[in-house]
Amino acid sequence: MRFIQKNSEPESLTQYKKQSGAYYDGYDKKDDVREALLKEQGYLCGYCMKRLESCDQVKIEHVVPQSKLVEDEKAALNYHIMLGVCYGNEGHPRRELTCDAHRGNDDLTVNPFSETSIGLIKYRSDGTIYSEDAKINKDLNSTLNLNYNGSGVYLKENRKEVLLACKNKLKEMKSQGCWSRKMLQRMLEEYESPGADGKLKPYSGIVVEYLKARIKRA
């Protein structure tokens, strides 16, 4: 997971909310929301950081479950609690589901829209995502199942491979005499910022943490 800076909601959503009796299932331009979420998230799932290429791969997730917003029909139209996520291996047994598909209606402590909250997430070199905060650790492991490997979803392994690729690149640069704190900072920026196409590198949270630690020791 990574911190997500929310942007303005789509104009079609703004206009729809002005209608009398507006409610989430009545809003028929959800692809506008999906497109907006893709762009502000760098085309990554808001939970597992898998690459999302297009709107048909995006599920609109509410950080506050819709089942807890029933008292106000317009509450689920609040763009600032919406997150774009993958389909989390839907169609498989529950133990093989991830992200929102595994979460269901469980509450979350971790908040992808809070830098402080995301700052409590850590990684191990084997690709494990975890937190020393017990509630957030439960979110990551039990609620969202973000360390699942198997049946076509290899989240832990994917993070490990991304980190290994970064380490190998650093070794190559060091052997070429290119090693410097400035080089590390440039590489960090590469992983923290979207490319010219607006896309962030998938599973890059583990690399960002690793590079920040290396810069501190440089």
Protein backbone atom coordinates (compact mmCIF):
# COMPACT_ATOMS: atom_id res chain seq x y z
CA MET A 1 0.00 0.00 0.00
CA ARG A 2 1.01 3.60 -0.47
CA PHE A 3 -0.34 7.03 0.45
CA ILE A 4 -2.96 8.27 -2.03
CA GLN A 5 -3.58 11.98 -2.45
CA LYS A 6 -7.24 12.47 -3.29
CA ASN A 7 -8.06 14.81 -6.16
CA SER A 8 -11.30 16.45 -7.25
CA GLU A 9 -14.24 14.21 -7.98
CA PRO A 10 -15.49 13.76 -11.58
CA GLU A 11 -17.88 16.47 -12.75
CA SER A 12 -20.55 13.90 -13.57
CA LEU A 13 -20.55 12.78 -9.94
CA THR A 14 -20.76 16.37 -8.70
CA GLN A 15 -23.79 17.02 -10.90
CA TYR A 16 -25.50 13.75 -10.00
CA LYS A 17 -25.23 14.45 -6.26
CA LYS A 18 -27.23 17.64 -6.80
CA GLN A 19 -30.25 15.60 -7.90
CA SER A 20 -33.04 14.88 -5.47
CA GLY A 21 -32.93 11.26 -4.31
CA ALA A 22 -29.41 10.66 -5.58
CA TYR A 23 -27.88 7.38 -4.36
CA TYR A 24 -24.84 5.30 -5.25
CA ASP A 25 -26.51 2.59 -7.32
CA GLY A 26 -28.42 5.23 -9.25
CA TYR A 27 -25.24 6.89 -10.52
CA ASP A 28 -24.70 5.46 -14.02
CA LYS A 29 -21.36 7.05 -14.93
CA LYS A 30 -19.14 5.03 -12.62
CA ASP A 31 -16.48 4.68 -15.31
CA ASP A 32 -15.83 8.40 -14.74
CA VAL A 33 -14.97 7.53 -11.14
CA ARG A 34 -12.91 4.52 -12.15
CA GLU A 35 -10.89 6.64 -14.56
CA ALA A 36 -10.31 9.32 -11.91
CA LEU A 37 -9.20 6.70 -9.39
CA LEU A 38 -6.82 5.10 -11.88
CA LYS A 39 -5.12 8.42 -12.53
CA GLU A 40 -4.75 9.51 -8.91
CA GLN A 41 -3.46 6.05 -7.90
CA GLY A 42 -0.94 5.78 -10.71
CA TYR A 43 -2.81 2.83 -12.23
CA LEU A 44 -2.25 0.60 -9.20
CA CYS A 45 -4.65 -1.25 -6.93
CA GLY A 46 -5.09 0.86 -3.79
CA TYR A 47 -4.44 -2.17 -1.60
CA CYS A 48 -2.01 -4.68 -3.19
CA MET A 49 -0.37 -2.27 -5.71
CA LYS A 50 -1.04 -4.61 -8.64
CA ARG A 51 -1.06 -2.91 -12.05
CA LEU A 52 -4.51 -1.85 -13.25
CA GLU A 53 -4.55 -1.03 -16.94
CA SER A 54 -8.11 0.07 -17.61
CA CYS A 55 -11.50 0.80 -16.06
CA ASP A 56 -12.76 -2.74 -16.57
CA GLN A 57 -10.08 -3.94 -14.14
CA VAL A 58 -11.13 -1.48 -11.43
CA LYS A 59 -13.54 -2.16 -8.60
CA ILE A 60 -14.77 0.90 -6.73
CA GLU A 61 -14.08 0.29 -3.06
CA HIS A 62 -15.40 2.35 -0.16
CA VAL A 63 -12.90 2.64 2.69
CA VAL A 64 -15.94 2.90 4.97
CA PRO A 65 -18.08 -0.14 4.01
CA GLN A 66 -21.31 0.75 2.23
CA SER A 67 -23.18 -1.47 4.67
CA LYS A 68 -22.36 1.15 7.33
CA LEU A 69 -23.55 4.10 5.24
CA VAL A 70 -27.20 3.09 4.91
CA GLU A 71 -28.60 5.92 7.05
CA ASP A 72 -27.63 8.50 4.43
CA GLU A 73 -28.27 7.50 0.82
CA LYS A 74 -25.75 10.04 -0.46
CA ALA A 75 -22.95 8.96 1.87
CA ALA A 76 -21.70 6.29 -0.54
CA LEU A 77 -21.37 9.00 -3.21
CA ASN A 78 -18.55 10.63 -1.24
CA TYR A 79 -15.59 10.45 -3.63
CA HIS A 80 -13.13 11.02 -0.79
CA ILE A 81 -13.83 7.57 0.67
CA MET A 82 -13.54 5.82 -2.71
CA LEU A 83 -10.57 3.70 -3.71
CA GLY A 84 -9.82 1.85 -6.93
CA VAL A 85 -8.91 -1.78 -6.28
CA CYS A 86 -8.40 -5.00 -8.21
CA TYR A 87 -10.94 -7.82 -8.21
CA GLY A 88 -8.82 -9.76 -5.73
CA ASN A 89 -9.04 -13.22 -7.32
CA GLU A 90 -12.84 -13.23 -7.24
CA GLY A 91 -14.40 -16.60 -7.99
CA HIS A 92 -11.87 -18.54 -5.92
CA PRO A 93 -12.28 -19.91 -2.37
CA ARG A 94 -12.14 -17.21 0.31
CA ARG A 95 -8.66 -18.22 1.49
CA GLU A 96 -7.40 -17.32 -2.01
CA LEU A 97 -9.08 -13.91 -2.18
CA THR A 98 -7.26 -10.63 -1.57
CA CYS A 99 -8.00 -6.94 -1.16
CA ASP A 100 -11.69 -5.97 -1.00
CA ALA A 101 -12.81 -9.41 -2.17
CA HIS A 102 -11.34 -10.85 1.05
CA ARG A 103 -12.21 -7.87 3.24
CA GLY A 104 -15.98 -7.99 2.82
CA ASN A 105 -17.55 -5.51 5.24
CA ASP A 106 -14.83 -5.63 7.89
CA ASP A 107 -13.61 -2.31 9.26
CA LEU A 108 -10.07 -1.13 8.52
CA THR A 109 -7.69 0.77 10.75
CA VAL A 110 -5.18 1.47 7.98
CA ASN A 111 -6.12 4.50 5.91
CA PRO A 112 -4.60 4.84 2.42
CA PHE A 113 -5.44 8.57 2.46
CA SER A 114 -3.32 9.22 5.57
CA GLU A 115 0.47 9.54 5.30
CA THR A 116 0.76 8.81 9.02
CA SER A 117 -1.21 5.58 8.68
CA ILE A 118 0.69 4.39 5.60
CA GLY A 119 3.95 5.28 7.36
CA LEU A 120 3.26 2.48 9.84
CA ILE A 121 3.49 -0.14 7.09
CA LYS A 122 6.78 -2.04 6.73
CA TYR A 123 8.27 -4.77 4.55
CA ARG A 124 10.64 -7.68 4.98
CA SER A 125 13.17 -8.76 2.36
CA ASP A 126 11.10 -11.87 1.57
CA GLY A 127 8.26 -9.62 0.38
CA THR A 128 6.16 -9.76 3.54
CA ILE A 129 4.09 -6.66 4.26
CA TYR A 130 3.41 -6.01 7.94
CA SER A 131 3.07 -3.40 10.68
CA GLU A 132 4.15 -3.22 14.29
CA ASP A 133 0.75 -1.66 14.95
CA ALA A 134 -1.36 -4.74 15.81
CA LYS A 135 -4.58 -3.41 14.27
CA ILE A 136 -2.94 -2.40 11.00
CA ASN A 137 -1.07 -5.70 10.89
CA LYS A 138 -4.44 -7.45 11.18
CA ASP A 139 -5.73 -5.34 8.28
CA LEU A 140 -2.82 -6.33 6.07
CA ASN A 141 -2.73 -10.03 6.89
CA SER A 142 -6.18 -11.13 8.02
CA THR A 143 -8.58 -8.62 6.50
CA LEU A 144 -6.97 -7.85 3.13
CA ASN A 145 -4.84 -11.03 2.85
CA LEU A 146 -1.97 -9.08 1.29
CA ASN A 147 0.65 -11.76 1.92
CA TYR A 148 -1.18 -14.40 -0.10
CA ASN A 149 0.79 -16.51 -2.61
CA GLY A 150 -0.92 -19.06 -4.81
CA SER A 151 -3.62 -19.76 -7.44
CA GLY A 152 -2.42 -17.04 -9.79
CA VAL A 153 -1.92 -14.37 -7.10
CA TYR A 154 1.62 -14.07 -5.78
CA LEU A 155 1.62 -10.83 -3.83
CA LYS A 156 4.45 -11.64 -1.46
CA GLU A 157 6.58 -13.11 -4.26
CA ASN A 158 5.91 -10.14 -6.55
CA ARG A 159 7.12 -7.69 -3.89
CA LYS A 160 10.21 -9.82 -3.30
CA GLU A 161 11.04 -9.85 -7.02
CA VAL A 162 10.60 -6.08 -7.34
CA LEU A 163 12.97 -5.53 -4.41
CA LEU A 164 15.51 -7.99 -5.83
CA ALA A 165 15.45 -6.20 -9.19
CA CYS A 166 16.21 -2.93 -7.41
CA LYS A 167 19.07 -4.47 -5.43
CA ASN A 168 20.55 -5.97 -8.59
CA LYS A 169 20.38 -2.61 -10.33
CA LEU A 170 22.18 -0.98 -7.40
CA LYS A 171 24.91 -3.64 -7.50
CA GLU A 172 25.41 -3.05 -11.21
CA MET A 173 25.64 0.71 -10.74
CA LYS A 174 28.10 0.28 -7.89
CA SER A 175 30.30 -1.97 -10.03
CA GLN A 176 30.28 0.77 -12.69
CA GLY A 177 31.36 3.39 -10.17
CA CYS A 178 28.01 5.18 -10.26
CA TRP A 179 27.24 4.73 -6.57
CA SER A 180 26.31 7.90 -4.69
CA ARG A 181 23.69 9.31 -2.36
CA LYS A 182 22.45 11.45 -5.24
CA MET A 183 21.97 8.33 -7.36
CA LEU A 184 19.94 6.71 -4.59
CA GLN A 185 17.76 9.79 -4.33
CA ARG A 186 17.15 9.80 -8.08
CA MET A 187 16.17 6.16 -7.96
CA LEU A 188 13.82 6.83 -5.04
CA GLU A 189 12.14 9.57 -7.02
CA GLU A 190 11.72 7.13 -9.90
CA TYR A 191 9.81 4.74 -7.65
CA GLU A 192 7.83 7.41 -5.81
CA SER A 193 6.67 9.33 -8.86
CA PRO A 194 4.60 8.27 -11.88
CA GLY A 195 6.25 8.08 -15.29
CA ALA A 196 5.33 10.17 -18.32
CA ASP A 197 2.34 7.87 -18.83
CA GLY A 198 1.05 8.65 -15.34
CA LYS A 199 1.79 5.15 -14.09
CA LEU A 200 3.59 4.19 -10.90
CA LYS A 201 5.68 1.04 -10.75
CA PRO A 202 3.65 -1.90 -9.38
CA TYR A 203 4.48 -3.26 -5.91
CA SER A 204 6.91 -0.37 -5.44
CA GLY A 205 6.14 0.29 -1.77
CA ILE A 206 8.76 -2.22 -0.68
CA VAL A 207 11.42 -0.54 -2.83
CA VAL A 208 10.55 2.93 -1.56
CA GLU A 209 11.05 1.77 2.03
CA TYR A 210 14.34 0.04 1.13
CA LEU A 211 15.77 3.05 -0.71
CA LYS A 212 14.82 5.45 2.08
CA ALA A 213 16.72 3.25 4.53
CA ARG A 214 19.76 3.11 2.23
CA ILE A 215 19.77 6.90 1.84
CA LYS A 216 19.78 7.32 5.62
CA ARG A 217 22.87 5.10 5.85
CA ALA A 218 24.66 6.66 2.86
